Amino acid sequence: MEPSAHVDTFARDNLPPQDQWPVFLLDNPDGAYPARFNCATELLDRSVEAGYRDRPAIWSEVDGRAHATTYGELLAMVNRSAHVLVEDMGLRPGNRLLLRGPNTLQMAVAFLAALKAGLVVVPTMPLLRAKELRQIIDKAKIGAALCDARLFDELKRCADSSDEYHCPDLGQMRVFHDDSPESLETLAVNKPDTFAACDTASDDVCLIAFTSGTTGAPKGCMHFHRDVLAMCDLFPRHILKPASGDVFCGTPPLAFTFGLGGMLCFPLRAGASTVLIERLTPETLLQTVERFRATIMFTAPTFYRQMAPLLPRFDVSSLRKCVSAGEALPDSTRALWRDASGIEMIDGIGGTELIHIFVSAAADNVRPNAIGRAVPGYVVQVVDEAMQPVPRGTIGKLAVRGPTGCRYLADRRQLNFVRDGWNLPGDSVYQDEDGYIFYQARADDMIVSAGYNISGPEVESALMQHEAVAECGVVGAPDETRGQIVKAFVVLRPNFAPSDKLGAQLQEFVKNTIAPYKYPRVITFIEALPRTETGKLKRFALRAM
């Protein structure tokens, strides 16, 4: 590895042993990067140098009006904010910085400023509660946080020594989207608009993206500066093919790598612009396309299905490309959207461990029911339990290699995700003679609902904290709109009787304990859970029920 620029070496020290890494394919001309560079500089400064200084970079809504922040203005904001991180917060290269906020200009500025200062960014979803934030803070030994002022309450609990979710490592917090004297924006106002980017190595960690596994314990996926550029230079270059005149829009949060790529990094790399709107419904997403003349959309299949009947009410003639990811795309949804909009969706399989999409197809290369083929730069195969390739047309486990791959933060589950140099994302698929991948199911117990990955055991843990619950089992149930919904089977304690009222109380209890989107949309009361002789829950039996 190249000598690190990090003064705080925690990230590099906690990479998995290199013999547990996947094989990285780095000889692809699309991913040939120098030994040292800073990805924020490559994404932003290079676009300014290329002549885009006065062109829109990020579109926002300000007092109900469309507002464009140009590349030059964005660069100045990022540079000033980087000075705050270094001078006012005293952060040094390699320190981990938690970011908490919705899709806003300020969140994008904070992200890019942290990268430029050589920090390791740990973005988190706005809906996470203090319990979930503590898991992330403790795992990554995070000492500082930047938070949208409107979301500060849950994070503040992590800094309160009297709170059950107190995090001793969290030394300082500041807010943005705020005009208080100590906010990021206020402190940045008088800073210089130039900043010398940290001289990071291409293999310095710049991002820890957390995902939840089947146990509910968070897994931190560690990505290098070169991984961020590879994300921008493979799927976009070969499949999406954006141009500098494109306007991106969509729903995935910047805290997810799907959203980080589609809503920020891809447009910046192409010299295009992106629309960052905090809360979008199917209707307001179509309004966004109409208002900003958006040309490229990123969202989950659920939204496409819900938007299709609404299309006649909006002028979406500017829209030319639509990307679906985050959950399996039913062919019926693809057809519904194509018939309504005239646009063939770009489907894809990606993952936090590999940072973005690695199997996809677009336009004339789309085949019915298939996701696509390996994105150039990646190779895929379908294997059995012994990691041996299975015949074409046979269902097995998807295995992938490329310029990006899984490196968990100090996590023994690295040995499950990477075997024999291959990444195993956990998808059951088959491959046809032409290399197209056909998705079958998740190989583990993860529930994928409306694009969100939800851990059944984590929901079980939340339910078990309620006084009425003796035991419970949570699985994904098929749903036409969301792909899957969270369904809970609950055994009550004595003196509690099943009722619709109690079911609603349990749902509210889960919403207030963990992120609200994880709550069980269906609760079934049963006398006993099906278990094996050794006491293990038979999840397959619950699914059959």
Protein backbone atom coordinates (compact mmCIF):
# COMPACT_ATOMS: atom_id res chain seq x y z
CA MET A 1 0.00 0.00 0.00
CA GLU A 2 1.02 3.61 -0.64
CA PRO A 3 2.24 5.57 2.43
CA SER A 4 -0.83 7.00 4.12
CA ALA A 5 -1.56 10.68 4.63
CA HIS A 6 -3.52 9.82 7.76
CA VAL A 7 -2.19 11.04 11.08
CA ASP A 8 -4.91 9.01 12.77
CA THR A 9 -4.26 5.51 11.40
CA PHE A 10 -7.35 3.82 12.87
CA ALA A 11 -8.93 3.09 9.47
CA ARG A 12 -5.88 1.48 7.90
CA ASP A 13 -5.07 -0.34 11.14
CA ASN A 14 -8.53 -1.94 11.14
CA LEU A 15 -8.67 -3.11 7.54
CA PRO A 16 -8.99 -6.87 7.24
CA PRO A 17 -5.74 -8.82 6.77
CA GLN A 18 -4.85 -8.63 3.09
CA ASP A 19 -5.20 -12.39 2.68
CA GLN A 20 -8.91 -11.88 3.43
CA TRP A 21 -9.37 -9.22 0.75
CA PRO A 22 -11.06 -10.00 -2.55
CA VAL A 23 -8.94 -10.02 -5.69
CA PHE A 24 -8.96 -6.46 -7.05
CA LEU A 25 -8.92 -5.96 -10.82
CA LEU A 26 -6.95 -2.74 -11.14
CA ASP A 27 -5.47 -3.07 -14.62
CA ASN A 28 -8.61 -1.76 -16.34
CA PRO A 29 -7.87 1.50 -18.21
CA ASP A 30 -11.07 3.00 -16.77
CA GLY A 31 -9.69 2.54 -13.28
CA ALA A 32 -6.02 3.42 -13.76
CA TYR A 33 -5.45 6.05 -11.08
CA PRO A 34 -2.28 7.66 -9.76
CA ALA A 35 -0.82 6.54 -6.45
CA ARG A 36 -1.87 9.75 -4.72
CA PHE A 37 -4.94 11.91 -5.22
CA ASN A 38 -7.91 13.24 -3.29
CA CYS A 39 -11.26 12.16 -4.71
CA ALA A 40 -13.00 15.42 -3.70
CA THR A 41 -10.46 17.35 -5.76
CA GLU A 42 -11.00 15.03 -8.72
CA LEU A 43 -14.78 15.40 -8.50
CA LEU A 44 -15.02 19.15 -7.90
CA ASP A 45 -11.82 21.07 -8.60
CA ARG A 46 -11.26 19.25 -11.89
CA SER A 47 -14.74 20.21 -13.12
CA VAL A 48 -14.02 23.86 -12.34
CA GLU A 49 -10.70 23.59 -14.16
CA ALA A 50 -12.53 22.03 -17.12
CA GLY A 51 -14.55 25.21 -17.58
CA TYR A 52 -17.71 24.44 -15.58
CA ARG A 53 -17.20 27.16 -12.92
CA ASP A 54 -20.35 29.07 -13.86
CA ARG A 55 -22.53 26.06 -14.60
CA PRO A 56 -25.08 24.69 -12.09
CA ALA A 57 -23.76 21.89 -9.90
CA ILE A 58 -26.50 21.48 -7.30
CA TRP A 59 -30.12 22.58 -7.54
CA SER A 60 -32.06 23.24 -4.32
CA GLU A 61 -35.38 24.65 -3.23
CA VAL A 62 -34.98 27.92 -1.32
CA ASP A 63 -38.18 29.54 -0.03
CA GLY A 64 -40.14 27.58 -2.59
CA ARG A 65 -37.93 28.67 -5.49
CA ALA A 66 -35.41 26.76 -7.55
CA HIS A 67 -31.87 27.80 -6.68
CA ALA A 68 -28.70 26.80 -8.54
CA THR A 69 -25.33 26.57 -6.81
CA THR A 70 -22.64 26.76 -9.49
CA TYR A 71 -19.49 24.68 -9.55
CA GLY A 72 -17.46 27.72 -8.57
CA GLU A 73 -19.77 28.55 -5.66
CA LEU A 74 -19.80 24.93 -4.52
CA LEU A 75 -15.99 24.78 -4.58
CA ALA A 76 -15.77 27.92 -2.45
CA MET A 77 -18.31 26.56 0.05
CA VAL A 78 -16.45 23.25 0.30
CA ASN A 79 -13.10 24.97 0.79
CA ARG A 80 -14.43 27.28 3.50
CA SER A 81 -16.06 24.36 5.29
CA ALA A 82 -12.83 22.35 5.11
CA HIS A 83 -11.11 25.20 6.96
CA VAL A 84 -13.75 24.93 9.71
CA LEU A 85 -13.12 21.20 10.06
CA VAL A 86 -9.38 21.69 10.40
CA GLU A 87 -9.13 25.03 12.21
CA ASP A 88 -12.23 25.22 14.41
CA MET A 89 -12.85 21.53 15.03
CA GLY A 90 -9.17 20.58 15.07
CA LEU A 91 -9.70 17.48 12.96
CA ARG A 92 -6.73 15.72 11.42
CA PRO A 93 -6.36 13.36 8.44
CA GLY A 94 -7.76 9.96 9.28
CA ASN A 95 -10.19 11.16 11.97
CA ARG A 96 -13.67 9.75 11.49
CA LEU A 97 -16.46 12.30 11.01
CA LEU A 98 -20.09 11.24 11.31
CA LEU A 99 -22.47 13.04 8.96
CA ARG A 100 -26.20 13.09 9.65
CA GLY A 101 -28.60 14.84 7.34
CA PRO A 102 -31.06 14.54 4.44
CA ASN A 103 -30.30 15.28 0.80
CA THR A 104 -29.43 18.96 0.90
CA LEU A 105 -26.77 21.29 -0.43
CA GLN A 106 -25.32 21.57 3.07
CA MET A 107 -25.00 17.79 3.43
CA ALA A 108 -23.16 17.61 0.08
CA VAL A 109 -20.83 20.46 1.10
CA ALA A 110 -20.02 18.76 4.42
CA PHE A 111 -19.30 15.47 2.68
CA LEU A 112 -16.94 16.96 0.09
CA ALA A 113 -15.21 19.20 2.65
CA ALA A 114 -14.49 16.22 4.88
CA LEU A 115 -13.00 14.27 1.99
CA LYS A 116 -10.87 17.21 0.99
CA ALA A 117 -9.54 17.54 4.53
CA GLY A 118 -8.47 13.90 4.47
CA LEU A 119 -11.09 12.75 6.98
CA VAL A 120 -12.89 9.42 6.91
CA VAL A 121 -16.56 10.19 6.33
CA VAL A 122 -19.22 8.07 8.03
CA PRO A 123 -22.58 9.14 6.57
CA THR A 124 -25.73 8.04 8.39
CA MET A 125 -29.38 7.98 7.47
CA PRO A 126 -31.63 10.72 8.88
CA LEU A 127 -34.08 8.18 10.32
CA LEU A 128 -31.60 6.42 12.60
CA ARG A 129 -32.25 6.60 16.33
CA ALA A 130 -29.73 7.05 19.15
CA LYS A 131 -29.48 3.29 19.66
CA GLU A 132 -28.39 2.74 16.05
CA LEU A 133 -26.13 5.80 16.02
CA ARG A 134 -24.32 4.52 19.09
CA GLN A 135 -23.54 1.22 17.37
CA ILE A 136 -21.93 3.09 14.47
CA ILE A 137 -20.07 5.61 16.66
CA ASP A 138 -18.67 2.89 18.89
CA LYS A 139 -17.69 0.62 16.01
CA ALA A 140 -15.82 3.34 14.08
CA LYS A 141 -14.47 5.14 17.16
CA ILE A 142 -15.96 8.41 15.92
CA GLY A 143 -14.82 11.53 17.72
CA ALA A 144 -16.70 14.26 15.81
CA ALA A 145 -20.03 14.73 14.08
CA LEU A 146 -21.74 17.20 11.78
CA CYS A 147 -25.52 17.07 11.92
CA ASP A 148 -28.43 18.86 10.31
CA ALA A 149 -29.80 21.05 13.11
CA ARG A 150 -33.29 19.62 12.61
CA LEU A 151 -32.03 16.09 13.35
CA PHE A 152 -29.85 16.91 16.32
CA ASP A 153 -31.98 15.51 19.15
CA GLU A 154 -31.21 11.81 18.62
CA LEU A 155 -27.49 12.47 18.08
CA LYS A 156 -27.36 14.70 21.15
CA ARG A 157 -28.31 11.70 23.27
CA CYS A 158 -25.04 10.03 22.22
CA ALA A 159 -23.07 12.90 23.77
CA ASP A 160 -25.08 12.94 27.00
CA SER A 161 -23.17 11.06 29.70
CA SER A 162 -26.42 10.39 31.56
CA ASP A 163 -28.13 8.78 28.56
CA GLU A 164 -28.20 5.03 28.04
CA TYR A 165 -26.83 5.56 24.53
CA HIS A 166 -23.89 7.72 25.55
CA CYS A 167 -20.75 7.38 23.38
CA PRO A 168 -17.53 8.26 25.24
CA ASP A 169 -15.56 8.67 21.99
CA LEU A 170 -17.86 11.39 20.62
CA GLY A 171 -15.96 14.49 21.67
CA GLN A 172 -17.59 17.24 19.62
CA MET A 173 -20.62 17.94 17.46
CA ARG A 174 -21.58 20.84 15.25
CA VAL A 175 -24.70 21.53 13.23
CA PHE A 176 -25.35 22.74 9.73
CA HIS A 177 -28.48 24.07 8.03
CA ASP A 178 -28.48 26.62 10.84
CA ASP A 179 -27.48 30.25 11.45
CA SER A 180 -26.30 29.93 15.06
CA PRO A 181 -22.83 31.35 15.87
CA GLU A 182 -21.16 27.93 16.03
CA SER A 183 -22.85 26.35 13.01
CA LEU A 184 -20.81 25.13 10.05
CA GLU A 185 -22.19 27.82 7.75
CA THR A 186 -21.62 30.68 10.21
CA LEU A 187 -18.06 29.65 10.94
CA ALA A 188 -17.35 29.16 7.23
CA VAL A 189 -18.43 32.63 6.14
CA ASN A 190 -15.12 34.35 6.90
CA LYS A 191 -12.83 31.50 5.89
CA PRO A 192 -10.67 31.59 2.74
CA ASP A 193 -12.31 30.17 -0.37
CA THR A 194 -9.19 28.18 -1.22
CA PHE A 195 -7.98 25.05 0.56
CA ALA A 196 -5.02 22.79 -0.10
CA ALA A 197 -6.50 19.31 -0.26
CA CYS A 198 -4.93 16.64 1.89
CA ASP A 199 -2.34 14.66 -0.10
CA THR A 200 -4.13 11.36 0.38
CA ALA A 201 -3.01 8.06 -1.08
CA SER A 202 -5.34 6.44 -3.57
CA ASP A 203 -5.70 3.59 -1.07
CA ASP A 204 -6.35 5.76 1.96
CA VAL A 205 -9.80 5.06 3.43
CA CYS A 206 -12.14 8.00 2.83
CA LEU A 207 -15.55 6.44 3.48
CA ILE A 208 -17.01 3.97 5.95
CA ALA A 209 -20.49 3.09 4.75
CA PHE A 210 -22.48 1.10 7.27
CA THR A 211 -24.91 -1.63 6.35
CA SER A 212 -26.82 -4.02 8.58
CA GLY A 213 -26.39 -7.77 8.41
CA THR A 214 -28.82 -10.49 9.41
CA THR A 215 -27.75 -10.19 13.03
CA GLY A 216 -28.53 -6.48 13.07
CA ALA A 217 -24.97 -5.64 14.13
CA PRO A 218 -23.72 -2.89 11.81
CA LYS A 219 -20.99 -3.69 9.29
CA GLY A 220 -18.71 -0.85 8.22
CA CYS A 221 -17.65 -1.07 4.57
CA MET A 222 -14.34 0.71 4.11
CA HIS A 223 -13.71 2.39 0.76
CA PHE A 224 -10.62 4.11 -0.61
CA HIS A 225 -10.34 7.35 -2.57
CA ARG A 226 -9.81 5.21 -5.69
CA ASP A 227 -13.07 3.33 -4.99
CA VAL A 228 -15.08 6.54 -5.14
CA LEU A 229 -13.65 7.34 -8.57
CA ALA A 230 -14.10 3.74 -9.78
CA MET A 231 -17.76 4.02 -8.78
CA CYS A 232 -17.99 7.05 -11.09
CA ASP A 233 -15.93 5.66 -13.98
CA LEU A 234 -17.40 2.19 -14.61
CA PHE A 235 -21.19 1.92 -14.34
CA PRO A 236 -21.77 5.55 -15.40
CA ARG A 237 -19.26 5.46 -18.25
CA HIS A 238 -20.37 2.15 -19.76
CA ILE A 239 -24.06 1.87 -18.84
CA LEU A 240 -25.54 5.22 -17.77
CA LYS A 241 -23.42 7.41 -20.09
CA PRO A 242 -24.28 10.84 -18.61
CA ALA A 243 -23.36 14.11 -20.30
CA SER A 244 -22.50 17.51 -18.87
CA GLY A 245 -25.95 18.81 -19.76
CA ASP A 246 -27.76 16.18 -17.69
CA VAL A 247 -29.78 16.99 -14.59
CA PHE A 248 -29.95 14.15 -12.03
CA CYS A 249 -32.75 13.65 -9.52
CA GLY A 250 -34.06 10.87 -7.30
CA THR A 251 -34.83 9.52 -3.88
CA PRO A 252 -31.83 7.56 -2.51
CA PRO A 253 -30.19 9.25 0.50
CA LEU A 254 -26.62 10.48 0.24
CA ALA A 255 -25.98 8.26 3.27
CA PHE A 256 -26.47 5.19 1.03
CA THR A 257 -23.77 4.52 -1.54
CA PHE A 258 -26.54 4.17 -4.16
CA GLY A 259 -27.51 7.77 -3.44
CA LEU A 260 -23.96 9.00 -2.91
CA GLY A 261 -23.14 7.90 -6.42
CA GLY A 262 -26.34 8.74 -8.25
CA MET A 263 -27.18 11.96 -6.45
CA LEU A 264 -23.72 13.53 -6.02
CA CYS A 265 -20.60 11.83 -7.33
CA PHE A 266 -21.84 10.76 -10.77
CA PRO A 267 -23.11 14.22 -11.74
CA LEU A 268 -19.99 15.96 -10.46
CA ARG A 269 -17.71 13.57 -12.34
CA ALA A 270 -19.65 14.27 -15.55
CA GLY A 271 -19.80 18.04 -15.07
CA ALA A 272 -23.59 17.71 -14.84
CA SER A 273 -25.98 18.95 -12.14
CA THR A 274 -28.11 17.28 -9.48
CA VAL A 275 -31.33 18.21 -7.69
CA LEU A 276 -31.19 17.62 -3.93
CA ILE A 277 -34.64 17.58 -2.36
CA GLU A 278 -35.17 16.40 1.20
CA ARG A 279 -38.44 14.51 1.07
CA LEU A 280 -39.94 13.09 -2.07
CA THR A 281 -43.14 11.22 -2.73
CA PRO A 282 -43.99 9.68 -6.11
CA GLU A 283 -45.95 12.82 -6.93
CA THR A 284 -43.31 15.32 -5.81
CA LEU A 285 -40.58 13.38 -7.60
CA LEU A 286 -42.50 13.84 -10.85
CA GLN A 287 -42.96 17.51 -9.96
CA THR A 288 -39.18 17.71 -9.51
CA VAL A 289 -38.60 16.26 -12.98
CA GLU A 290 -41.01 18.78 -14.48
CA ARG A 291 -39.73 21.80 -12.54
CA PHE A 292 -35.99 21.21 -12.97
CA ARG A 293 -36.22 19.54 -16.41
CA ALA A 294 -34.42 16.54 -14.98
CA THR A 295 -33.00 14.04 -17.46
CA ILE A 296 -31.77 11.15 -15.25
CA MET A 297 -33.72 9.64 -12.35
CA PHE A 298 -32.60 7.26 -9.59
CA THR A 299 -35.16 5.51 -7.41
CA ALA A 300 -36.47 2.11 -6.31
CA PRO A 301 -38.99 -0.06 -8.20
CA THR A 302 -41.71 0.84 -5.68
CA PHE A 303 -41.59 4.48 -6.77
CA TYR A 304 -41.69 3.62 -10.48
CA ARG A 305 -44.80 1.51 -9.93
CA GLN A 306 -46.48 4.28 -7.96
CA MET A 307 -45.48 7.01 -10.41
CA ALA A 308 -46.64 5.26 -13.58
CA PRO A 309 -50.36 6.13 -13.25
CA LEU A 310 -49.46 9.72 -12.27
CA LEU A 311 -47.38 10.46 -15.38
CA PRO A 312 -50.18 12.06 -17.48
CA ARG A 313 -50.43 14.86 -14.92
CA PHE A 314 -46.83 16.02 -15.42
CA ASP A 315 -44.53 17.15 -18.21
CA VAL A 316 -41.62 14.73 -17.94
CA SER A 317 -40.53 15.07 -21.56
CA SER A 318 -37.02 16.02 -20.38
CA LEU A 319 -36.52 12.61 -18.76
CA ARG A 320 -34.39 10.23 -20.80
CA LYS A 321 -32.85 7.69 -18.40
CA CYS A 322 -34.22 5.95 -15.31
CA VAL A 323 -32.14 3.80 -12.97
CA SER A 324 -33.69 1.21 -10.68
CA ALA A 325 -31.77 -0.40 -7.84
CA GLY A 326 -32.04 -1.13 -4.14
CA GLU A 327 -34.38 -4.10 -4.55
CA ALA A 328 -35.40 -6.62 -7.19
CA LEU A 329 -37.16 -5.06 -10.19
CA PRO A 330 -40.25 -7.08 -11.16
CA ASP A 331 -40.63 -7.36 -14.91
CA SER A 332 -44.23 -6.19 -14.51
CA THR A 333 -42.96 -2.92 -13.01
CA ARG A 334 -40.45 -2.52 -15.83
CA ALA A 335 -43.21 -3.01 -18.40
CA LEU A 336 -45.63 -0.72 -16.55
CA TRP A 337 -43.08 2.11 -16.50
CA ARG A 338 -42.02 1.54 -20.10
CA ASP A 339 -45.63 1.63 -21.31
CA ALA A 340 -46.35 4.79 -19.34
CA SER A 341 -43.15 6.73 -20.03
CA GLY A 342 -41.63 5.18 -23.14
CA ILE A 343 -38.36 4.73 -21.21
CA GLU A 344 -36.64 1.37 -20.72
CA MET A 345 -35.37 1.26 -17.16
CA ILE A 346 -31.73 0.59 -16.31
CA ASP A 347 -31.74 -2.10 -13.64
CA GLY A 348 -28.73 -3.04 -11.56
CA ILE A 349 -27.30 -5.10 -8.73
CA GLY A 350 -24.93 -3.27 -6.48
CA GLY A 351 -24.10 -3.23 -2.82
CA THR A 352 -22.51 -1.19 -0.08
CA GLU A 353 -19.60 -3.65 0.08
CA LEU A 354 -18.70 -2.95 -3.57
CA ILE A 355 -19.87 0.69 -3.28
CA HIS A 356 -22.23 0.70 -6.29
CA ILE A 357 -23.67 -1.20 -9.27
CA PHE A 358 -21.64 -4.02 -10.82
CA VAL A 359 -24.28 -5.85 -12.91
CA SER A 360 -26.54 -3.88 -15.24
CA ALA A 361 -27.85 -3.31 -18.75
CA ALA A 362 -29.37 -0.41 -20.66
CA ALA A 363 -31.43 0.28 -23.76
CA ASP A 364 -31.18 -2.42 -26.43
CA ASN A 365 -29.09 -4.63 -24.15
CA VAL A 366 -31.99 -5.18 -21.74
CA ARG A 367 -33.48 -8.68 -21.67
CA PRO A 368 -36.80 -9.68 -20.08
CA ASN A 369 -36.45 -10.70 -16.41
CA ALA A 370 -32.66 -10.26 -16.48
CA ILE A 371 -30.79 -7.64 -14.49
CA GLY A 372 -27.97 -7.43 -17.02
CA ARG A 373 -24.36 -8.46 -17.41
CA ALA A 374 -21.20 -7.62 -15.53
CA VAL A 375 -20.38 -3.92 -15.86
CA PRO A 376 -17.10 -3.62 -17.82
CA GLY A 377 -14.28 -3.75 -15.29
CA TYR A 378 -16.08 -6.40 -13.21
CA VAL A 379 -16.35 -10.15 -13.74
CA VAL A 380 -19.06 -12.37 -12.30
CA GLN A 381 -19.68 -16.06 -11.95
CA VAL A 382 -22.31 -18.25 -10.31
CA VAL A 383 -20.93 -20.74 -7.79
CA ASP A 384 -22.02 -23.54 -5.47
CA GLU A 385 -21.26 -23.91 -1.77
CA ALA A 386 -17.76 -25.17 -2.62
CA MET A 387 -17.12 -22.01 -4.70
CA GLN A 388 -17.14 -24.06 -7.90
CA PRO A 389 -18.83 -22.55 -10.98
CA VAL A 390 -22.22 -24.10 -11.73
CA PRO A 391 -23.48 -24.79 -15.27
CA ARG A 392 -25.21 -21.93 -17.08
CA GLY A 393 -28.90 -21.89 -16.22
CA THR A 394 -28.29 -23.40 -12.76
CA ILE A 395 -29.15 -21.39 -9.66
CA GLY A 396 -26.21 -20.64 -7.39
CA LYS A 397 -24.57 -17.83 -5.49
CA LEU A 398 -23.45 -14.69 -7.29
CA ALA A 399 -19.69 -14.07 -7.04
CA VAL A 400 -18.04 -10.89 -8.30
CA ARG A 401 -14.60 -9.31 -8.69
CA GLY A 402 -13.62 -5.86 -9.88
CA PRO A 403 -11.79 -2.67 -8.93
CA THR A 404 -13.93 -2.35 -5.78
CA GLY A 405 -14.73 -4.92 -3.13
CA CYS A 406 -15.47 -5.77 0.47
CA ARG A 407 -13.20 -4.65 3.28
CA TYR A 408 -15.16 -4.67 6.53
CA LEU A 409 -14.06 -2.60 9.49
CA ALA A 410 -12.67 -5.08 12.03
CA ASP A 411 -15.39 -7.66 11.39
CA ARG A 412 -15.11 -11.44 11.31
CA ARG A 413 -17.95 -11.49 8.76
CA GLN A 414 -15.30 -10.56 6.18
CA LEU A 415 -14.69 -14.32 5.92
CA ASN A 416 -18.31 -14.87 4.90
CA PHE A 417 -18.49 -12.13 2.27
CA VAL A 418 -15.11 -12.86 0.65
CA ARG A 419 -14.10 -16.40 -0.27
CA ASP A 420 -11.30 -17.45 -2.58
CA GLY A 421 -10.84 -13.85 -3.67
CA TRP A 422 -14.50 -13.45 -4.71
CA ASN A 423 -17.10 -11.11 -3.22
CA LEU A 424 -20.33 -12.94 -2.33
CA PRO A 425 -23.11 -10.33 -2.13
CA GLY A 426 -25.64 -12.91 -0.91
CA ASP A 427 -27.80 -13.14 -4.04
CA SER A 428 -29.14 -16.36 -5.51
CA VAL A 429 -29.05 -16.07 -9.29
CA TYR A 430 -28.49 -17.96 -12.52
CA GLN A 431 -26.58 -16.91 -15.62
CA ASP A 432 -27.52 -17.62 -19.23
CA GLU A 433 -25.16 -18.49 -22.07
CA ASP A 434 -24.72 -14.82 -22.95
CA GLY A 435 -23.69 -13.84 -19.44
CA TYR A 436 -26.97 -12.26 -18.35
CA ILE A 437 -27.75 -12.53 -14.64
CA PHE A 438 -31.26 -13.52 -13.51
CA TYR A 439 -32.02 -12.69 -9.89
CA GLN A 440 -33.88 -15.27 -7.79
CA ALA A 441 -33.74 -14.25 -4.13
CA ARG A 442 -31.57 -13.11 -1.26
CA ALA A 443 -29.45 -15.88 0.07
CA ASP A 444 -29.81 -14.65 3.66
CA ASP A 445 -32.66 -13.39 5.80
CA MET A 446 -32.41 -9.73 4.90
CA ILE A 447 -35.75 -8.10 4.22
CA VAL A 448 -35.64 -5.68 1.28
CA SER A 449 -38.65 -3.36 1.43
CA ALA A 450 -39.06 -0.38 -0.90
CA GLY A 451 -35.29 -0.22 -1.35
CA TYR A 452 -34.42 -0.41 2.36
CA ASN A 453 -32.45 -3.33 3.80
CA ILE A 454 -34.05 -4.35 7.09
CA SER A 455 -32.72 -6.92 9.51
CA GLY A 456 -35.42 -9.20 10.91
CA PRO A 457 -33.52 -9.92 14.14
CA GLU A 458 -33.10 -6.20 14.77
CA VAL A 459 -36.87 -5.70 14.56
CA GLU A 460 -37.33 -8.72 16.83
CA SER A 461 -34.98 -7.16 19.36
CA ALA A 462 -37.02 -3.96 19.37
CA LEU A 463 -40.32 -5.81 19.77
CA MET A 464 -38.94 -7.87 22.64
CA GLN A 465 -38.45 -4.69 24.65
CA HIS A 466 -42.24 -4.24 24.88
CA GLU A 467 -43.82 -5.56 28.05
CA ALA A 468 -46.50 -7.50 26.16
CA VAL A 469 -44.11 -9.54 23.99
CA ALA A 470 -42.90 -12.92 25.17
CA GLU A 471 -41.13 -13.84 21.95
CA CYS A 472 -41.39 -13.03 18.28
CA GLY A 473 -40.13 -13.83 14.81
CA VAL A 474 -39.80 -11.36 11.93
CA VAL A 475 -39.58 -12.22 8.23
CA GLY A 476 -40.19 -10.59 4.88
CA ALA A 477 -43.57 -11.19 3.28
CA PRO A 478 -44.12 -10.68 -0.47
CA ASP A 479 -45.77 -7.39 -1.38
CA GLU A 480 -46.71 -6.15 -4.83
CA THR A 481 -45.89 -2.53 -4.08
CA ARG A 482 -42.80 -2.75 -1.85
CA GLY A 483 -41.33 -6.04 -2.99
CA GLN A 484 -41.42 -7.21 0.62
CA ILE A 485 -42.91 -5.95 3.86
CA VAL A 486 -41.82 -6.63 7.41
CA LYS A 487 -44.13 -9.16 9.05
CA ALA A 488 -43.93 -10.04 12.73
CA PHE A 489 -45.24 -13.15 14.43
CA VAL A 490 -45.74 -12.36 18.12
CA VAL A 491 -46.29 -14.56 21.16
CA LEU A 492 -47.83 -12.55 23.99
CA ARG A 493 -47.09 -12.72 27.68
CA PRO A 494 -49.82 -13.86 30.07
CA ASN A 495 -52.44 -11.21 30.86
CA PHE A 496 -52.15 -9.71 27.36
CA ALA A 497 -54.76 -10.50 24.72
CA PRO A 498 -54.39 -10.17 20.92
CA SER A 499 -56.16 -7.13 19.47
CA ASP A 500 -55.84 -4.64 16.65
CA LYS A 501 -55.19 -1.95 19.27
CA LEU A 502 -52.26 -3.87 20.73
CA GLY A 503 -50.89 -4.52 17.26
CA ALA A 504 -50.93 -0.78 16.54
CA GLN A 505 -49.22 -0.09 19.87
CA LEU A 506 -46.44 -2.53 19.03
CA GLN A 507 -45.94 -0.87 15.63
CA GLU A 508 -45.62 2.55 17.25
CA PHE A 509 -43.25 1.13 19.86
CA VAL A 510 -40.90 -0.16 17.14
CA LYS A 511 -41.05 3.16 15.30
CA ASN A 512 -39.91 4.93 18.45
CA THR A 513 -37.17 2.41 19.22
CA ILE A 514 -35.41 2.02 15.86
CA ALA A 515 -35.68 3.75 12.48
CA PRO A 516 -39.41 4.05 11.69
CA TYR A 517 -39.17 2.46 8.24
CA LYS A 518 -38.24 -0.85 9.91
CA TYR A 519 -41.54 -1.29 11.75
CA PRO A 520 -43.65 -4.42 11.02
CA ARG A 521 -46.48 -3.50 8.71
CA VAL A 522 -48.27 -6.73 9.59
CA ILE A 523 -48.41 -8.31 13.05
CA THR A 524 -49.84 -11.79 13.54
CA PHE A 525 -50.38 -13.11 17.05
CA ILE A 526 -49.64 -16.82 17.47
CA GLU A 527 -49.48 -19.28 20.39
CA ALA A 528 -45.89 -20.46 19.83
CA LEU A 529 -43.03 -19.97 17.39
CA PRO A 530 -41.83 -22.89 15.25
CA ARG A 531 -38.39 -23.95 16.44
CA THR A 532 -35.86 -26.67 15.76
CA GLU A 533 -34.92 -29.25 18.39
CA THR A 534 -31.97 -27.09 19.35
CA GLY A 535 -34.22 -24.07 19.85
CA LYS A 536 -33.44 -22.18 16.64
CA LEU A 537 -36.27 -20.25 15.04
CA LYS A 538 -37.54 -21.83 11.82
CA ARG A 539 -37.76 -18.72 9.65
CA PHE A 540 -38.71 -20.77 6.63
CA ALA A 541 -41.77 -22.00 8.57
CA LEU A 542 -42.77 -18.42 9.36
CA ARG A 543 -42.46 -17.50 5.69
CA ALA A 544 -44.68 -20.44 4.80
CA MET A 545 -47.27 -19.16 7.26
